[in-house]
Structures are given as C-alpha cells and as structure tokens.
Amino acid sequence: MIHSLTLWLLALVKRHPGLHKDLPLAMRHAADAAIPCLLILVIPPMPSHALVGASEKFRQVMGPDLRLWNIGAQNVRVLNEEKARFYGLVA
C-alpha cells in the first residue's frame, strides 16, 4: 500500500517527470490528496464470522503506514468476496 500511495503523491506533485501525465484526469489535482482514504483488503474465501478479527490483524500489521498516511482505523477493513461484491468492489 505504501508504495502505491507514495507513487501517486510523487506523480501528483510532479517529483518525477512523466508520472503526472500518466495519472487519470480525475486524480491530477492536489485537492485529491485531502480526500479520505479507505484501505480494503479482499480475501475471497474468508468466512464472514472471521472478518472482524482479520480486520484487527490487518490494522496492526499496517499500523506504521496508517500513521504515516493518517488513515483512521475505521477506514481499514478486510472483506470477503460476498461483502466486496455487495459494495461493488469485485465483479
């Protein structure tokens, strides 16, 4: 996760020539950096009853990155395929 966010931010502020032009038009504005960030890990075979525990573990593992990017724990979760499909995250 940290690498994709870092790469996007570097492209956004034009630290690497050529990256900015590769960004989708909807992601080329500095104001986009202030939008809330959701971090969702989809594990298709995860049973629904295990999602809360898996989300807690995921938050622990991602702790340093979450603090660095100021992503609140409420914005980090693990979903199974059924939940991801419900939210339109998978086809």
C-alpha atoms as a PDB file:
ATOM      1  CA  MET A   1       0.000   0.000   0.000  1.00  0.00           C
ATOM      2  CA  ILE A   2       2.686   2.468   0.987  1.00  0.00           C
ATOM      3  CA  HIS A   3       4.335   2.225  -2.417  1.00  0.00           C
ATOM      4  CA  SER A   4       1.192   2.946  -4.426  1.00  0.00           C
ATOM      5  CA  LEU A   5       0.274   5.949  -2.267  1.00  0.00           C
ATOM      6  CA  THR A   6       3.832   7.266  -2.401  1.00  0.00           C
ATOM      7  CA  LEU A   7       3.985   6.856  -6.163  1.00  0.00           C
ATOM      8  CA  TRP A   8       0.658   8.651  -6.607  1.00  0.00           C
ATOM      9  CA  LEU A   9       1.771  11.538  -4.377  1.00  0.00           C
ATOM     10  CA  LEU A  10       5.106  11.838  -6.191  1.00  0.00           C
ATOM     11  CA  ALA A  11       3.260  11.948  -9.505  1.00  0.00           C
ATOM     12  CA  LEU A  12       0.768  14.464  -8.136  1.00  0.00           C
ATOM     13  CA  VAL A  13       3.474  16.923  -7.072  1.00  0.00           C
ATOM     14  CA  LYS A  14       5.492  16.239 -10.258  1.00  0.00           C
ATOM     15  CA  ARG A  15       8.604  14.973  -8.458  1.00  0.00           C
ATOM     16  CA  HIS A  16       9.266  12.509 -11.283  1.00  0.00           C
ATOM     17  CA  PRO A  17       8.901  13.838 -14.835  1.00  0.00           C
ATOM     18  CA  GLY A  18       6.431  11.851 -16.869  1.00  0.00           C
ATOM     19  CA  LEU A  19       4.464  10.317 -13.996  1.00  0.00           C
ATOM     20  CA  HIS A  20       1.978  13.190 -13.733  1.00  0.00           C
ATOM     21  CA  LYS A  21       0.786  12.758 -17.324  1.00  0.00           C
ATOM     22  CA  ASP A  22       0.142   9.059 -16.623  1.00  0.00           C
ATOM     23  CA  LEU A  23      -2.321   9.837 -13.816  1.00  0.00           C
ATOM     24  CA  PRO A  24      -6.023   9.593 -14.683  1.00  0.00           C
ATOM     25  CA  LEU A  25      -7.510  13.077 -15.143  1.00  0.00           C
ATOM     26  CA  ALA A  26      -9.649  12.615 -12.022  1.00  0.00           C
ATOM     27  CA  MET A  27      -6.517  12.127  -9.868  1.00  0.00           C
ATOM     28  CA  ARG A  28      -4.345  15.028 -11.097  1.00  0.00           C
ATOM     29  CA  HIS A  29      -5.394  17.695  -8.625  1.00  0.00           C
ATOM     30  CA  ALA A  30      -3.638  18.495  -5.342  1.00  0.00           C
ATOM     31  CA  ALA A  31      -7.028  18.728  -3.596  1.00  0.00           C
ATOM     32  CA  ASP A  32      -7.364  14.974  -4.180  1.00  0.00           C
ATOM     33  CA  ALA A  33      -4.648  14.390  -1.576  1.00  0.00           C
ATOM     34  CA  ALA A  34      -7.024  15.608   1.143  1.00  0.00           C
ATOM     35  CA  ILE A  35      -9.810  13.103   0.477  1.00  0.00           C
ATOM     36  CA  PRO A  36     -10.348  10.302   2.991  1.00  0.00           C
ATOM     37  CA  CYS A  37      -8.517   7.099   2.179  1.00  0.00           C
ATOM     38  CA  LEU A  38     -10.089   3.663   2.613  1.00  0.00           C
ATOM     39  CA  LEU A  39      -7.842   0.629   2.786  1.00  0.00           C
ATOM     40  CA  ILE A  40      -9.744  -2.559   1.988  1.00  0.00           C
ATOM     41  CA  LEU A  41      -8.187  -5.988   1.663  1.00  0.00           C
ATOM     42  CA  VAL A  42     -10.377  -8.569  -0.075  1.00  0.00           C
ATOM     43  CA  ILE A  43      -9.761 -12.196   0.893  1.00  0.00           C
ATOM     44  CA  PRO A  44     -12.354 -14.161  -1.126  1.00  0.00           C
ATOM     45  CA  PRO A  45     -12.570 -17.354   0.954  1.00  0.00           C
ATOM     46  CA  MET A  46     -12.643 -15.571   4.359  1.00  0.00           C
ATOM     47  CA  PRO A  47     -15.711 -16.661   6.384  1.00  0.00           C
ATOM     48  CA  SER A  48     -17.923 -13.736   7.425  1.00  0.00           C
ATOM     49  CA  HIS A  49     -17.531 -14.531  11.131  1.00  0.00           C
ATOM     50  CA  ALA A  50     -13.731 -14.055  10.830  1.00  0.00           C
ATOM     51  CA  LEU A  51     -13.788 -10.627   9.167  1.00  0.00           C
ATOM     52  CA  VAL A  52     -13.650  -8.578  12.388  1.00  0.00           C
ATOM     53  CA  GLY A  53     -10.583 -10.431  13.686  1.00  0.00           C
ATOM     54  CA  ALA A  54      -8.882 -10.292  10.293  1.00  0.00           C
ATOM     55  CA  SER A  55      -9.556  -6.544  10.091  1.00  0.00           C
ATOM     56  CA  GLU A  56      -7.967  -6.019  13.518  1.00  0.00           C
ATOM     57  CA  LYS A  57      -4.884  -8.001  12.495  1.00  0.00           C
ATOM     58  CA  PHE A  58      -4.648  -6.074   9.225  1.00  0.00           C
ATOM     59  CA  ARG A  59      -4.781  -2.779  11.158  1.00  0.00           C
ATOM     60  CA  GLN A  60      -1.967  -3.965  13.422  1.00  0.00           C
ATOM     61  CA  VAL A  61       0.243  -5.018  10.526  1.00  0.00           C
ATOM     62  CA  MET A  62      -0.409  -1.783   8.641  1.00  0.00           C
ATOM     63  CA  GLY A  63      -0.040   0.396  11.778  1.00  0.00           C
ATOM     64  CA  PRO A  64       3.080   2.360  10.763  1.00  0.00           C
ATOM     65  CA  ASP A  65       1.719   3.059   7.273  1.00  0.00           C
ATOM     66  CA  LEU A  66      -1.667   4.087   8.673  1.00  0.00           C
ATOM     67  CA  ARG A  67       0.000   6.591  10.996  1.00  0.00           C
ATOM     68  CA  LEU A  68       2.249   7.897   8.212  1.00  0.00           C
ATOM     69  CA  TRP A  69      -0.697   8.498   5.889  1.00  0.00           C
ATOM     70  CA  ASN A  70      -3.108   9.499   8.679  1.00  0.00           C
ATOM     71  CA  ILE A  71      -5.601   6.769   7.799  1.00  0.00           C
ATOM     72  CA  GLY A  72      -8.007   6.118  10.649  1.00  0.00           C
ATOM     73  CA  ALA A  73      -8.581   2.574  11.888  1.00  0.00           C
ATOM     74  CA  GLN A  74     -12.258   2.881  10.946  1.00  0.00           C
ATOM     75  CA  ASN A  75     -11.152   3.197   7.300  1.00  0.00           C
ATOM     76  CA  VAL A  76      -9.274  -0.117   7.277  1.00  0.00           C
ATOM     77  CA  ARG A  77     -11.068  -3.436   6.880  1.00  0.00           C
ATOM     78  CA  VAL A  78     -10.953  -6.917   5.440  1.00  0.00           C
ATOM     79  CA  LEU A  79     -13.831  -8.120   3.295  1.00  0.00           C
ATOM     80  CA  ASN A  80     -14.644 -11.491   1.815  1.00  0.00           C
ATOM     81  CA  GLU A  81     -15.866 -11.919  -1.743  1.00  0.00           C
ATOM     82  CA  GLU A  82     -19.532 -11.706  -0.724  1.00  0.00           C
ATOM     83  CA  LYS A  83     -19.073  -8.356   1.065  1.00  0.00           C
ATOM     84  CA  ALA A  84     -16.793  -6.983  -1.649  1.00  0.00           C
ATOM     85  CA  ARG A  85     -19.405  -7.870  -4.261  1.00  0.00           C
ATOM     86  CA  PHE A  86     -22.103  -6.158  -2.139  1.00  0.00           C
ATOM     87  CA  TYR A  87     -20.034  -2.933  -2.120  1.00  0.00           C
ATOM     88  CA  GLY A  88     -19.289  -3.203  -5.848  1.00  0.00           C
ATOM     89  CA  LEU A  89     -15.568  -3.809  -5.370  1.00  0.00           C
ATOM     90  CA  VAL A  90     -15.462  -7.022  -7.392  1.00  0.00           C
ATOM     91  CA  ALA A  91     -17.425  -8.152 -10.411  1.00  0.00           C
END
